[in-house]
Amino acid sequence: MFSLRVSFHIISSGLCGTDKHILDGKNKVPLPAILGHEGAGIVESIGEGVTSVKPGDKVLTFPIPECKECQFCLHPKGNMCLKEKVLSPTGLMLDGTSRFTCRGRKIYNLFGTSTFTEYTVVHEIAVGKIDAAAPMDKVCIMSCAVPTGFGAVFNTARVTPGSTCVVFGLGGVGLAVVMGCKASGASRIIGVDINEKKFPPARALGVTDCLNPRNLKKPVQEVVKEMTGGGVDFAFEVIGNTDTVVAALESCHMSYGVCVMVGESPSNSRLSFDPILLLPERSLKGSIMGEYKTRSCIPKLVTDYIQKKFNTDPLITHQLPFQKINEAFELLHGGYCIRCVLLF
């Protein structure tokens, strides 16, 4: 089973907030490592037993694999394959080896993908063939940002027409959530972010009201409840901060409010809130990769994008050659980009 490997040439890779969290030391992974998990490329070679892709195929990498054999993959709900490397990252392939070295030193893998490199090796269960017409300079965000945001809305929260929503964090994934809420017919979408440079693109994609918590005289959740007559129907935390998870939960209407935790909080952090928040039937849910079974579902999203059923191009505000990766991180850190795509 461990021989089922795929080697491919990375064409583009999106810069995700998770990569920044790792560099900042918030999320712990084995180091030194080649980061990046949002990649699009072309298959160069395949190992013995690989059947789902062949050399020349356009593919996406998936940080959440789909082995199609474990109890979770076979269950109709959810997508957390037993072979995933996100919750407990080892930095190694399934056979316990690393495929990268530098000057004789072992370099670790990230989430079974590692896309900040011209060539990478992944297991077949972490790669999916996509439509040959896919524009490779744009579809890399389909391997993480877009399905994570869309799925949080369509699969986890199940936003309903006429509902009210609040989205904490207006980065690439947050704006994908906004797009999903708008497509679901939400009547009001409140966007929350401390970076007001993100407000114009957020409004263009469907946000009706923008809030900067630093400019408010009371906690943002209190303002949201006042604006919506008691709270929103659906709240999404897309930052990865335990305090904003609690704020999002407190923004929900009691009796039927649903809060979805999308952002990855720092390693070893703990949530703390009054359990009375949940007693009157508020719900707190988690969502990873939008609950999409990656290999089975995400290539279909790419086909829908090609057929212009939706347009995620506005999420990509910058494209840079890979050699300018440090500049890309500076843009992300400074809040100047929504999604930056690195091109090889």
C-alpha atoms as a PDB file:
ATOM      1  CA  MET A   1       0.000   0.000   0.000  1.00  0.00           C
ATOM      2  CA  PHE A   2       2.891   2.375   0.654  1.00  0.00           C
ATOM      3  CA  SER A   3       4.176   2.142  -2.935  1.00  0.00           C
ATOM      4  CA  LEU A   4       1.181   4.048  -4.285  1.00  0.00           C
ATOM      5  CA  ARG A   5       3.029   7.333  -4.750  1.00  0.00           C
ATOM      6  CA  VAL A   6       2.688  10.125  -7.275  1.00  0.00           C
ATOM      7  CA  SER A   7       5.457  12.532  -8.287  1.00  0.00           C
ATOM      8  CA  PHE A   8       4.419  15.738  -9.965  1.00  0.00           C
ATOM      9  CA  HIS A   9       5.533  19.164 -11.052  1.00  0.00           C
ATOM     10  CA  ILE A  10       3.903  21.979  -9.091  1.00  0.00           C
ATOM     11  CA  ILE A  11       2.580  24.729 -11.366  1.00  0.00           C
ATOM     12  CA  SER A  12       0.966  26.961  -8.746  1.00  0.00           C
ATOM     13  CA  SER A  13       0.515  27.058  -4.991  1.00  0.00           C
ATOM     14  CA  GLY A  14      -1.711  29.263  -2.885  1.00  0.00           C
ATOM     15  CA  LEU A  15      -0.388  30.969   0.218  1.00  0.00           C
ATOM     16  CA  CYS A  16      -2.701  29.992   3.093  1.00  0.00           C
ATOM     17  CA  GLY A  17      -3.035  31.536   6.532  1.00  0.00           C
ATOM     18  CA  THR A  18      -2.074  28.150   7.981  1.00  0.00           C
ATOM     19  CA  ASP A  19       1.383  28.512   6.427  1.00  0.00           C
ATOM     20  CA  LYS A  20       1.755  31.882   8.151  1.00  0.00           C
ATOM     21  CA  HIS A  21       0.573  30.432  11.472  1.00  0.00           C
ATOM     22  CA  ILE A  22       3.305  27.786  11.227  1.00  0.00           C
ATOM     23  CA  LEU A  23       5.994  30.393  10.532  1.00  0.00           C
ATOM     24  CA  ASP A  24       4.701  32.466  13.441  1.00  0.00           C
ATOM     25  CA  GLY A  25       4.972  29.438  15.716  1.00  0.00           C
ATOM     26  CA  LYS A  26       1.235  29.255  16.432  1.00  0.00           C
ATOM     27  CA  ASN A  27       0.709  25.860  14.821  1.00  0.00           C
ATOM     28  CA  LYS A  28       3.327  23.239  15.622  1.00  0.00           C
ATOM     29  CA  VAL A  29       4.676  20.897  12.942  1.00  0.00           C
ATOM     30  CA  PRO A  30       8.001  19.040  12.663  1.00  0.00           C
ATOM     31  CA  LEU A  31      10.721  21.355  11.336  1.00  0.00           C
ATOM     32  CA  PRO A  32      12.578  21.995   9.100  1.00  0.00           C
ATOM     33  CA  ALA A  33       9.802  21.415   6.596  1.00  0.00           C
ATOM     34  CA  ILE A  34       8.689  22.372   3.126  1.00  0.00           C
ATOM     35  CA  LEU A  35       5.418  24.193   3.697  1.00  0.00           C
ATOM     36  CA  GLY A  36       2.471  24.689   1.361  1.00  0.00           C
ATOM     37  CA  HIS A  37      -0.564  22.452   0.923  1.00  0.00           C
ATOM     38  CA  GLU A  38      -2.681  24.246  -1.697  1.00  0.00           C
ATOM     39  CA  GLY A  39      -1.176  23.060  -4.966  1.00  0.00           C
ATOM     40  CA  ALA A  40      -1.953  22.389  -8.612  1.00  0.00           C
ATOM     41  CA  GLY A  41       0.429  20.487 -10.839  1.00  0.00           C
ATOM     42  CA  ILE A  42       1.052  17.949 -13.582  1.00  0.00           C
ATOM     43  CA  VAL A  43       1.901  14.317 -12.886  1.00  0.00           C
ATOM     44  CA  GLU A  44       5.474  13.379 -13.834  1.00  0.00           C
ATOM     45  CA  SER A  45       5.567   9.733 -12.737  1.00  0.00           C
ATOM     46  CA  ILE A  46       3.586   7.220 -10.705  1.00  0.00           C
ATOM     47  CA  GLY A  47       4.518   4.335  -8.461  1.00  0.00           C
ATOM     48  CA  GLU A  48       3.432   0.735  -8.717  1.00  0.00           C
ATOM     49  CA  GLY A  49      -0.295   0.261  -8.156  1.00  0.00           C
ATOM     50  CA  VAL A  50      -1.374   3.850  -8.842  1.00  0.00           C
ATOM     51  CA  THR A  51      -4.535   3.768 -10.954  1.00  0.00           C
ATOM     52  CA  SER A  52      -6.392   7.064 -10.481  1.00  0.00           C
ATOM     53  CA  VAL A  53      -3.844   9.325 -12.230  1.00  0.00           C
ATOM     54  CA  LYS A  54      -1.233   8.956 -14.952  1.00  0.00           C
ATOM     55  CA  PRO A  55       1.695  11.025 -16.243  1.00  0.00           C
ATOM     56  CA  GLY A  56       0.481  14.220 -17.914  1.00  0.00           C
ATOM     57  CA  ASP A  57      -2.696  14.523 -15.820  1.00  0.00           C
ATOM     58  CA  LYS A  58      -3.525  17.828 -14.184  1.00  0.00           C
ATOM     59  CA  VAL A  59      -4.026  17.313 -10.460  1.00  0.00           C
ATOM     60  CA  LEU A  60      -4.663  19.020  -7.127  1.00  0.00           C
ATOM     61  CA  THR A  61      -3.080  18.139  -3.785  1.00  0.00           C
ATOM     62  CA  PHE A  62      -5.320  17.575  -0.778  1.00  0.00           C
ATOM     63  CA  PRO A  63      -4.200  18.117   2.836  1.00  0.00           C
ATOM     64  CA  ILE A  64      -7.060  15.820   3.859  1.00  0.00           C
ATOM     65  CA  PRO A  65      -6.656  12.571   1.899  1.00  0.00           C
ATOM     66  CA  GLU A  66      -9.355  10.101   0.925  1.00  0.00           C
ATOM     67  CA  CYS A  67      -8.217   6.482   1.040  1.00  0.00           C
ATOM     68  CA  LYS A  68     -11.752   5.231   0.237  1.00  0.00           C
ATOM     69  CA  GLU A  69     -11.155   2.259   2.528  1.00  0.00           C
ATOM     70  CA  CYS A  70     -11.288   3.382   6.179  1.00  0.00           C
ATOM     71  CA  GLN A  71     -14.494   3.621   8.206  1.00  0.00           C
ATOM     72  CA  PHE A  72     -14.600   7.409   7.870  1.00  0.00           C
ATOM     73  CA  CYS A  73     -14.100   7.447   4.102  1.00  0.00           C
ATOM     74  CA  LEU A  74     -16.800   4.793   3.702  1.00  0.00           C
ATOM     75  CA  HIS A  75     -19.281   6.659   5.913  1.00  0.00           C
ATOM     76  CA  PRO A  76     -21.610   8.968   3.931  1.00  0.00           C
ATOM     77  CA  LYS A  77     -20.893  11.909   6.252  1.00  0.00           C
ATOM     78  CA  GLY A  78     -17.633  13.675   6.988  1.00  0.00           C
ATOM     79  CA  ASN A  79     -14.215  13.522   5.370  1.00  0.00           C
ATOM     80  CA  MET A  80     -11.611  12.819   8.072  1.00  0.00           C
ATOM     81  CA  CYS A  81      -9.662   9.930   6.561  1.00  0.00           C
ATOM     82  CA  LEU A  82      -7.762   7.841   9.122  1.00  0.00           C
ATOM     83  CA  LYS A  83      -4.572   8.481   7.158  1.00  0.00           C
ATOM     84  CA  GLU A  84      -4.730  12.293   7.522  1.00  0.00           C
ATOM     85  CA  LYS A  85      -1.635  14.191   8.698  1.00  0.00           C
ATOM     86  CA  VAL A  86      -3.256  17.474   9.785  1.00  0.00           C
ATOM     87  CA  LEU A  87      -4.486  16.814  13.329  1.00  0.00           C
ATOM     88  CA  SER A  88      -1.252  15.085  14.374  1.00  0.00           C
ATOM     89  CA  PRO A  89       1.396  16.103  11.823  1.00  0.00           C
ATOM     90  CA  THR A  90       4.382  13.756  11.671  1.00  0.00           C
ATOM     91  CA  GLY A  91       6.122  15.364   8.704  1.00  0.00           C
ATOM     92  CA  LEU A  92       6.565  11.902   7.176  1.00  0.00           C
ATOM     93  CA  MET A  93       5.027   9.763   4.461  1.00  0.00           C
ATOM     94  CA  LEU A  94       2.822   6.826   5.464  1.00  0.00           C
ATOM     95  CA  ASP A  95       5.841   4.504   5.339  1.00  0.00           C
ATOM     96  CA  GLY A  96       7.655   6.683   7.891  1.00  0.00           C
ATOM     97  CA  THR A  97      10.076   8.265   5.411  1.00  0.00           C
ATOM     98  CA  SER A  98      10.639  11.780   4.112  1.00  0.00           C
ATOM     99  CA  ARG A  99      11.102  12.431   0.406  1.00  0.00           C
ATOM    100  CA  PHE A 100      13.088  15.635   0.907  1.00  0.00           C
ATOM    101  CA  THR A 101      16.675  16.278   1.954  1.00  0.00           C
ATOM    102  CA  CYS A 102      18.953  19.325   2.017  1.00  0.00           C
ATOM    103  CA  ARG A 103      22.727  18.884   2.295  1.00  0.00           C
ATOM    104  CA  GLY A 104      22.181  15.443   3.710  1.00  0.00           C
ATOM    105  CA  ARG A 105      19.653  16.593   6.299  1.00  0.00           C
ATOM    106  CA  LYS A 106      16.080  15.290   6.380  1.00  0.00           C
ATOM    107  CA  ILE A 107      13.426  17.865   5.531  1.00  0.00           C
ATOM    108  CA  TYR A 108       9.893  17.179   6.719  1.00  0.00           C
ATOM    109  CA  ASN A 109       6.725  17.056   4.667  1.00  0.00           C
ATOM    110  CA  LEU A 110       3.627  19.147   5.468  1.00  0.00           C
ATOM    111  CA  PHE A 111       0.226  17.439   5.713  1.00  0.00           C
ATOM    112  CA  GLY A 112       1.286  14.839   3.155  1.00  0.00           C
ATOM    113  CA  THR A 113       1.576  17.530   0.461  1.00  0.00           C
ATOM    114  CA  SER A 114       4.378  20.184   0.611  1.00  0.00           C
ATOM    115  CA  THR A 115       3.714  22.444  -2.358  1.00  0.00           C
ATOM    116  CA  PHE A 116       6.320  25.203  -1.885  1.00  0.00           C
ATOM    117  CA  THR A 117       8.645  23.269  -4.142  1.00  0.00           C
ATOM    118  CA  GLU A 118       8.921  22.729  -7.879  1.00  0.00           C
ATOM    119  CA  TYR A 119       8.490  18.971  -7.499  1.00  0.00           C
ATOM    120  CA  THR A 120       6.787  16.988  -4.765  1.00  0.00           C
ATOM    121  CA  VAL A 121       5.836  13.403  -3.972  1.00  0.00           C
ATOM    122  CA  VAL A 122       2.481  12.518  -2.424  1.00  0.00           C
ATOM    123  CA  HIS A 123       0.451   9.384  -1.866  1.00  0.00           C
ATOM    124  CA  GLU A 124      -2.268   8.638  -4.390  1.00  0.00           C
ATOM    125  CA  ILE A 125      -4.880   9.154  -1.679  1.00  0.00           C
ATOM    126  CA  ALA A 126      -3.867  12.836  -1.394  1.00  0.00           C
ATOM    127  CA  VAL A 127      -4.102  13.804  -5.060  1.00  0.00           C
ATOM    128  CA  GLY A 128      -7.028  14.176  -7.445  1.00  0.00           C
ATOM    129  CA  LYS A 129      -7.207  14.384 -11.231  1.00  0.00           C
ATOM    130  CA  ILE A 130      -8.951  17.511 -12.518  1.00  0.00           C
ATOM    131  CA  ASP A 131     -10.372  18.663 -15.853  1.00  0.00           C
ATOM    132  CA  ALA A 132      -7.742  19.060 -18.581  1.00  0.00           C
ATOM    133  CA  ALA A 133      -9.146  22.533 -19.325  1.00  0.00           C
ATOM    134  CA  ALA A 134      -8.403  23.800 -15.799  1.00  0.00           C
ATOM    135  CA  PRO A 135      -6.335  27.041 -15.723  1.00  0.00           C
ATOM    136  CA  MET A 136      -3.378  25.985 -13.612  1.00  0.00           C
ATOM    137  CA  ASP A 137      -2.525  29.501 -12.464  1.00  0.00           C
ATOM    138  CA  LYS A 138      -5.877  29.786 -10.695  1.00  0.00           C
ATOM    139  CA  VAL A 139      -7.262  26.385  -9.651  1.00  0.00           C
ATOM    140  CA  CYS A 140      -4.764  25.723  -6.853  1.00  0.00           C
ATOM    141  CA  ILE A 141      -7.112  27.530  -4.443  1.00  0.00           C
ATOM    142  CA  MET A 142      -9.624  24.749  -5.162  1.00  0.00           C
ATOM    143  CA  SER A 143      -7.471  22.392  -3.112  1.00  0.00           C
ATOM    144  CA  CYS A 144      -8.091  24.265   0.159  1.00  0.00           C
ATOM    145  CA  ALA A 145      -9.566  27.785   0.330  1.00  0.00           C
ATOM    146  CA  VAL A 146     -12.615  27.353  -1.893  1.00  0.00           C
ATOM    147  CA  PRO A 147     -13.900  23.954  -0.691  1.00  0.00           C
ATOM    148  CA  THR A 148     -13.157  24.907   2.920  1.00  0.00           C
ATOM    149  CA  GLY A 149     -15.306  28.026   2.629  1.00  0.00           C
ATOM    150  CA  PHE A 150     -18.034  26.658   0.379  1.00  0.00           C
ATOM    151  CA  GLY A 151     -18.369  23.422   2.329  1.00  0.00           C
ATOM    152  CA  ALA A 152     -18.617  25.194   5.686  1.00  0.00           C
ATOM    153  CA  VAL A 153     -21.726  26.881   4.273  1.00  0.00           C
ATOM    154  CA  PHE A 154     -23.280  24.154   2.118  1.00  0.00           C
ATOM    155  CA  ASN A 155     -22.328  21.009   4.060  1.00  0.00           C
ATOM    156  CA  THR A 156     -21.690  21.969   7.688  1.00  0.00           C
ATOM    157  CA  ALA A 157     -23.966  24.921   8.448  1.00  0.00           C
ATOM    158  CA  ARG A 158     -26.473  24.362   5.627  1.00  0.00           C
ATOM    159  CA  VAL A 159     -27.318  28.051   5.329  1.00  0.00           C
ATOM    160  CA  THR A 160     -30.927  28.662   4.360  1.00  0.00           C
ATOM    161  CA  PRO A 161     -32.555  31.311   2.113  1.00  0.00           C
ATOM    162  CA  GLY A 162     -33.425  34.526   3.950  1.00  0.00           C
ATOM    163  CA  SER A 163     -31.113  33.791   6.867  1.00  0.00           C
ATOM    164  CA  THR A 164     -28.660  36.137   8.590  1.00  0.00           C
ATOM    165  CA  CYS A 165     -24.947  35.342   8.780  1.00  0.00           C
ATOM    166  CA  VAL A 166     -21.782  36.756  10.314  1.00  0.00           C
ATOM    167  CA  VAL A 167     -18.284  35.887   9.090  1.00  0.00           C
ATOM    168  CA  PHE A 168     -15.299  36.517  11.375  1.00  0.00           C
ATOM    169  CA  GLY A 169     -12.224  36.881   9.160  1.00  0.00           C
ATOM    170  CA  LEU A 170     -12.368  38.153   5.587  1.00  0.00           C
ATOM    171  CA  GLY A 171      -9.336  36.450   4.078  1.00  0.00           C
ATOM    172  CA  GLY A 172      -9.460  33.954   1.228  1.00  0.00           C
ATOM    173  CA  VAL A 173     -11.422  31.281   3.101  1.00  0.00           C
ATOM    174  CA  GLY A 174     -13.646  33.859   4.807  1.00  0.00           C
ATOM    175  CA  LEU A 175     -14.626  35.393   1.479  1.00  0.00           C
ATOM    176  CA  ALA A 176     -15.308  31.914   0.086  1.00  0.00           C
ATOM    177  CA  VAL A 177     -17.716  31.564   3.027  1.00  0.00           C
ATOM    178  CA  VAL A 178     -19.272  34.897   2.048  1.00  0.00           C
ATOM    179  CA  MET A 179     -19.736  33.667  -1.524  1.00  0.00           C
ATOM    180  CA  GLY A 180     -21.394  30.518  -0.233  1.00  0.00           C
ATOM    181  CA  CYS A 181     -23.748  32.450   2.042  1.00  0.00           C
ATOM    182  CA  LYS A 182     -24.769  34.710  -0.827  1.00  0.00           C
ATOM    183  CA  ALA A 183     -25.329  31.732  -3.138  1.00  0.00           C
ATOM    184  CA  SER A 184     -27.498  30.145  -0.419  1.00  0.00           C
ATOM    185  CA  GLY A 185     -29.769  33.187  -0.372  1.00  0.00           C
ATOM    186  CA  ALA A 186     -28.744  34.756   2.939  1.00  0.00           C
ATOM    187  CA  SER A 187     -30.532  38.077   3.378  1.00  0.00           C
ATOM    188  CA  ARG A 188     -27.799  39.690   5.467  1.00  0.00           C
ATOM    189  CA  ILE A 189     -24.086  38.895   5.685  1.00  0.00           C
ATOM    190  CA  ILE A 190     -22.055  40.744   8.314  1.00  0.00           C
ATOM    191  CA  GLY A 191     -18.286  40.731   7.845  1.00  0.00           C
ATOM    192  CA  VAL A 192     -15.936  41.178  10.810  1.00  0.00           C
ATOM    193  CA  ASP A 193     -12.245  42.007  10.442  1.00  0.00           C
ATOM    194  CA  ILE A 194      -9.695  44.363  11.997  1.00  0.00           C
ATOM    195  CA  ASN A 195      -8.245  45.115   8.549  1.00  0.00           C
ATOM    196  CA  GLU A 196     -10.558  47.549   6.785  1.00  0.00           C
ATOM    197  CA  LYS A 197      -8.674  47.139   3.501  1.00  0.00           C
ATOM    198  CA  LYS A 198     -10.616  43.917   3.149  1.00  0.00           C
ATOM    199  CA  PHE A 199     -14.012  45.603   3.335  1.00  0.00           C
ATOM    200  CA  PRO A 200     -14.344  46.729  -0.327  1.00  0.00           C
ATOM    201  CA  PRO A 201     -13.689  43.255  -1.810  1.00  0.00           C
ATOM    202  CA  ALA A 202     -15.904  41.734   0.869  1.00  0.00           C
ATOM    203  CA  ARG A 203     -18.787  44.017  -0.074  1.00  0.00           C
ATOM    204  CA  ALA A 204     -18.236  43.217  -3.751  1.00  0.00           C
ATOM    205  CA  LEU A 205     -18.675  39.508  -2.985  1.00  0.00           C
ATOM    206  CA  GLY A 206     -21.812  39.856  -0.890  1.00  0.00           C
ATOM    207  CA  VAL A 207     -21.109  41.304   2.572  1.00  0.00           C
ATOM    208  CA  THR A 208     -23.867  43.744   3.519  1.00  0.00           C
ATOM    209  CA  ASP A 209     -22.341  45.176   6.721  1.00  0.00           C
ATOM    210  CA  CYS A 210     -18.689  45.498   7.781  1.00  0.00           C
ATOM    211  CA  LEU A 211     -17.502  45.743  11.377  1.00  0.00           C
ATOM    212  CA  ASN A 212     -14.045  46.485  12.769  1.00  0.00           C
ATOM    213  CA  PRO A 213     -14.076  45.342  16.434  1.00  0.00           C
ATOM    214  CA  ARG A 214     -11.366  47.883  17.292  1.00  0.00           C
ATOM    215  CA  ASN A 215     -13.689  50.742  16.363  1.00  0.00           C
ATOM    216  CA  LEU A 216     -16.631  49.570  18.455  1.00  0.00           C
ATOM    217  CA  LYS A 217     -17.539  50.756  21.940  1.00  0.00           C
ATOM    218  CA  LYS A 218     -18.757  47.314  23.001  1.00  0.00           C
ATOM    219  CA  PRO A 219     -17.862  43.694  22.144  1.00  0.00           C
ATOM    220  CA  VAL A 220     -18.545  42.877  18.506  1.00  0.00           C
ATOM    221  CA  GLN A 221     -20.911  40.046  19.427  1.00  0.00           C
ATOM    222  CA  GLU A 222     -23.107  42.508  21.297  1.00  0.00           C
ATOM    223  CA  VAL A 223     -23.209  44.785  18.254  1.00  0.00           C
ATOM    224  CA  VAL A 224     -24.106  41.852  15.992  1.00  0.00           C
ATOM    225  CA  LYS A 225     -26.963  40.858  18.296  1.00  0.00           C
ATOM    226  CA  GLU A 226     -28.275  44.426  18.319  1.00  0.00           C
ATOM    227  CA  MET A 227     -28.096  44.604  14.526  1.00  0.00           C
ATOM    228  CA  THR A 228     -29.983  41.334  14.060  1.00  0.00           C
ATOM    229  CA  GLY A 229     -32.569  41.454  16.821  1.00  0.00           C
ATOM    230  CA  GLY A 230     -31.015  38.818  19.071  1.00  0.00           C
ATOM    231  CA  GLY A 231     -28.327  37.174  16.980  1.00  0.00           C
ATOM    232  CA  VAL A 232     -27.616  35.663  13.591  1.00  0.00           C
ATOM    233  CA  ASP A 233     -28.807  32.334  12.254  1.00  0.00           C
ATOM    234  CA  PHE A 234     -25.296  31.300  11.198  1.00  0.00           C
ATOM    235  CA  ALA A 235     -21.851  32.410  12.387  1.00  0.00           C
ATOM    236  CA  PHE A 236     -18.492  31.409  10.922  1.00  0.00           C
ATOM    237  CA  GLU A 237     -15.108  31.793  12.623  1.00  0.00           C
ATOM    238  CA  VAL A 238     -12.470  31.807   9.875  1.00  0.00           C
ATOM    239  CA  ILE A 239      -9.485  33.215  11.777  1.00  0.00           C
ATOM    240  CA  GLY A 240      -8.230  30.502  14.080  1.00  0.00           C
ATOM    241  CA  ASN A 241      -8.491  32.301  17.412  1.00  0.00           C
ATOM    242  CA  THR A 242     -10.267  30.921  20.465  1.00  0.00           C
ATOM    243  CA  ASP A 243     -11.537  34.337  21.547  1.00  0.00           C
ATOM    244  CA  THR A 244     -13.214  34.933  18.182  1.00  0.00           C
ATOM    245  CA  VAL A 245     -14.698  31.427  18.264  1.00  0.00           C
ATOM    246  CA  VAL A 246     -16.459  32.392  21.498  1.00  0.00           C
ATOM    247  CA  ALA A 247     -17.483  35.763  20.022  1.00  0.00           C
ATOM    248  CA  ALA A 248     -18.931  33.994  16.982  1.00  0.00           C
ATOM    249  CA  LEU A 249     -20.856  31.580  19.192  1.00  0.00           C
ATOM    250  CA  GLU A 250     -22.206  34.441  21.300  1.00  0.00           C
ATOM    251  CA  SER A 251     -23.315  36.183  18.083  1.00  0.00           C
ATOM    252  CA  CYS A 252     -25.739  33.348  17.328  1.00  0.00           C
ATOM    253  CA  HIS A 253     -29.442  33.471  18.035  1.00  0.00           C
ATOM    254  CA  MET A 254     -30.467  31.111  20.810  1.00  0.00           C
ATOM    255  CA  SER A 255     -32.758  28.210  19.944  1.00  0.00           C
ATOM    256  CA  TYR A 256     -31.477  27.721  16.403  1.00  0.00           C
ATOM    257  CA  GLY A 257     -28.201  29.594  15.910  1.00  0.00           C
ATOM    258  CA  VAL A 258     -25.341  27.599  14.376  1.00  0.00           C
ATOM    259  CA  CYS A 259     -21.677  28.526  14.813  1.00  0.00           C
ATOM    260  CA  VAL A 260     -19.087  26.872  12.582  1.00  0.00           C
ATOM    261  CA  MET A 261     -15.415  26.840  13.540  1.00  0.00           C
ATOM    262  CA  VAL A 262     -13.392  26.912  10.302  1.00  0.00           C
ATOM    263  CA  GLY A 263     -10.075  28.498  11.291  1.00  0.00           C
ATOM    264  CA  GLU A 264      -7.340  26.394  12.910  1.00  0.00           C
ATOM    265  CA  SER A 265      -6.590  27.714  16.390  1.00  0.00           C
ATOM    266  CA  PRO A 266      -3.032  27.639  17.807  1.00  0.00           C
ATOM    267  CA  SER A 267      -1.660  24.277  18.911  1.00  0.00           C
ATOM    268  CA  ASN A 268      -2.579  23.276  22.479  1.00  0.00           C
ATOM    269  CA  SER A 269      -5.037  26.180  22.874  1.00  0.00           C
ATOM    270  CA  ARG A 270      -8.275  25.666  24.783  1.00  0.00           C
ATOM    271  CA  LEU A 271     -11.801  26.963  24.299  1.00  0.00           C
ATOM    272  CA  SER A 272     -13.440  28.480  27.369  1.00  0.00           C
ATOM    273  CA  PHE A 273     -17.040  29.662  27.502  1.00  0.00           C
ATOM    274  CA  ASP A 274     -20.147  29.420  29.645  1.00  0.00           C
ATOM    275  CA  PRO A 275     -21.929  26.159  28.711  1.00  0.00           C
ATOM    276  CA  ILE A 276     -25.245  27.971  29.143  1.00  0.00           C
ATOM    277  CA  LEU A 277     -24.584  29.273  25.624  1.00  0.00           C
ATOM    278  CA  LEU A 278     -25.265  25.791  24.252  1.00  0.00           C
ATOM    279  CA  LEU A 279     -28.138  24.823  26.526  1.00  0.00           C
ATOM    280  CA  PRO A 280     -30.788  26.911  24.682  1.00  0.00           C
ATOM    281  CA  GLU A 281     -30.004  24.909  21.510  1.00  0.00           C
ATOM    282  CA  ARG A 282     -27.232  26.911  19.928  1.00  0.00           C
ATOM    283  CA  SER A 283     -24.870  24.614  18.031  1.00  0.00           C
ATOM    284  CA  LEU A 284     -21.075  24.748  17.743  1.00  0.00           C
ATOM    285  CA  LYS A 285     -19.632  22.725  14.897  1.00  0.00           C
ATOM    286  CA  GLY A 286     -16.235  22.186  13.357  1.00  0.00           C
ATOM    287  CA  SER A 287     -15.543  22.020   9.632  1.00  0.00           C
ATOM    288  CA  ILE A 288     -12.353  20.950   7.868  1.00  0.00           C
ATOM    289  CA  MET A 289     -12.044  21.132   4.094  1.00  0.00           C
ATOM    290  CA  GLY A 290     -15.757  21.884   4.113  1.00  0.00           C
ATOM    291  CA  GLU A 291     -16.631  18.237   4.853  1.00  0.00           C
ATOM    292  CA  TYR A 292     -15.922  17.436   1.193  1.00  0.00           C
ATOM    293  CA  LYS A 293     -14.582  13.967   0.507  1.00  0.00           C
ATOM    294  CA  THR A 294     -11.611  15.391  -1.307  1.00  0.00           C
ATOM    295  CA  ARG A 295     -10.826  13.051  -4.188  1.00  0.00           C
ATOM    296  CA  SER A 296     -14.490  12.308  -4.874  1.00  0.00           C
ATOM    297  CA  CYS A 297     -15.929  15.819  -4.661  1.00  0.00           C
ATOM    298  CA  ILE A 298     -13.382  18.577  -5.215  1.00  0.00           C
ATOM    299  CA  PRO A 299     -12.552  17.753  -8.868  1.00  0.00           C
ATOM    300  CA  LYS A 300     -16.271  18.290  -9.546  1.00  0.00           C
ATOM    301  CA  LEU A 301     -15.959  21.786  -8.066  1.00  0.00           C
ATOM    302  CA  VAL A 302     -13.160  22.482 -10.538  1.00  0.00           C
ATOM    303  CA  THR A 303     -15.415  21.374 -13.400  1.00  0.00           C
ATOM    304  CA  ASP A 304     -18.201  23.644 -12.133  1.00  0.00           C
ATOM    305  CA  TYR A 305     -15.717  26.534 -12.020  1.00  0.00           C
ATOM    306  CA  ILE A 306     -14.622  25.859 -15.603  1.00  0.00           C
ATOM    307  CA  GLN A 307     -18.284  25.781 -16.643  1.00  0.00           C
ATOM    308  CA  LYS A 308     -18.672  29.213 -15.008  1.00  0.00           C
ATOM    309  CA  LYS A 309     -21.219  28.060 -12.434  1.00  0.00           C
ATOM    310  CA  PHE A 310     -19.299  30.250  -9.985  1.00  0.00           C
ATOM    311  CA  ASN A 311     -16.296  32.565 -10.174  1.00  0.00           C
ATOM    312  CA  THR A 312     -13.597  32.426  -7.514  1.00  0.00           C
ATOM    313  CA  ASP A 313     -11.053  34.503  -9.430  1.00  0.00           C
ATOM    314  CA  PRO A 314     -11.708  37.612  -7.266  1.00  0.00           C
ATOM    315  CA  LEU A 315     -10.239  35.721  -4.305  1.00  0.00           C
ATOM    316  CA  ILE A 316      -6.817  35.821  -5.998  1.00  0.00           C
ATOM    317  CA  THR A 317      -5.516  39.365  -5.618  1.00  0.00           C
ATOM    318  CA  HIS A 318      -1.828  38.670  -6.263  1.00  0.00           C
ATOM    319  CA  GLN A 319       0.248  36.283  -8.371  1.00  0.00           C
ATOM    320  CA  LEU A 320       4.018  36.167  -7.897  1.00  0.00           C
ATOM    321  CA  PRO A 321       6.877  33.955  -9.102  1.00  0.00           C
ATOM    322  CA  PHE A 322       7.932  31.461  -6.451  1.00  0.00           C
ATOM    323  CA  GLN A 323      11.242  33.277  -6.031  1.00  0.00           C
ATOM    324  CA  LYS A 324       9.273  36.110  -4.409  1.00  0.00           C
ATOM    325  CA  ILE A 325       7.711  33.902  -1.719  1.00  0.00           C
ATOM    326  CA  ASN A 326       9.045  36.157   1.068  1.00  0.00           C
ATOM    327  CA  GLU A 327       7.369  39.144  -0.571  1.00  0.00           C
ATOM    328  CA  ALA A 328       4.158  37.111  -0.723  1.00  0.00           C
ATOM    329  CA  PHE A 329       4.312  36.422   3.016  1.00  0.00           C
ATOM    330  CA  GLU A 330       4.873  40.129   3.642  1.00  0.00           C
ATOM    331  CA  LEU A 331       1.745  40.926   1.626  1.00  0.00           C
ATOM    332  CA  LEU A 332      -0.216  38.360   3.618  1.00  0.00           C
ATOM    333  CA  HIS A 333       1.148  39.558   6.954  1.00  0.00           C
ATOM    334  CA  GLY A 334       0.424  43.178   6.088  1.00  0.00           C
ATOM    335  CA  GLY A 335      -3.136  42.399   5.066  1.00  0.00           C
ATOM    336  CA  TYR A 336      -2.615  43.592   1.499  1.00  0.00           C
ATOM    337  CA  CYS A 337      -3.841  40.449  -0.239  1.00  0.00           C
ATOM    338  CA  ILE A 338      -6.781  38.087  -0.037  1.00  0.00           C
ATOM    339  CA  ARG A 339      -5.056  35.121  -1.683  1.00  0.00           C
ATOM    340  CA  CYS A 340      -1.601  35.185  -3.235  1.00  0.00           C
ATOM    341  CA  VAL A 341      -0.735  32.468  -5.724  1.00  0.00           C
ATOM    342  CA  LEU A 342       2.881  31.485  -6.288  1.00  0.00           C
ATOM    343  CA  LEU A 343       3.781  30.452  -9.832  1.00  0.00           C
ATOM    344  CA  PHE A 344       6.595  28.085 -10.797  1.00  0.00           C
END
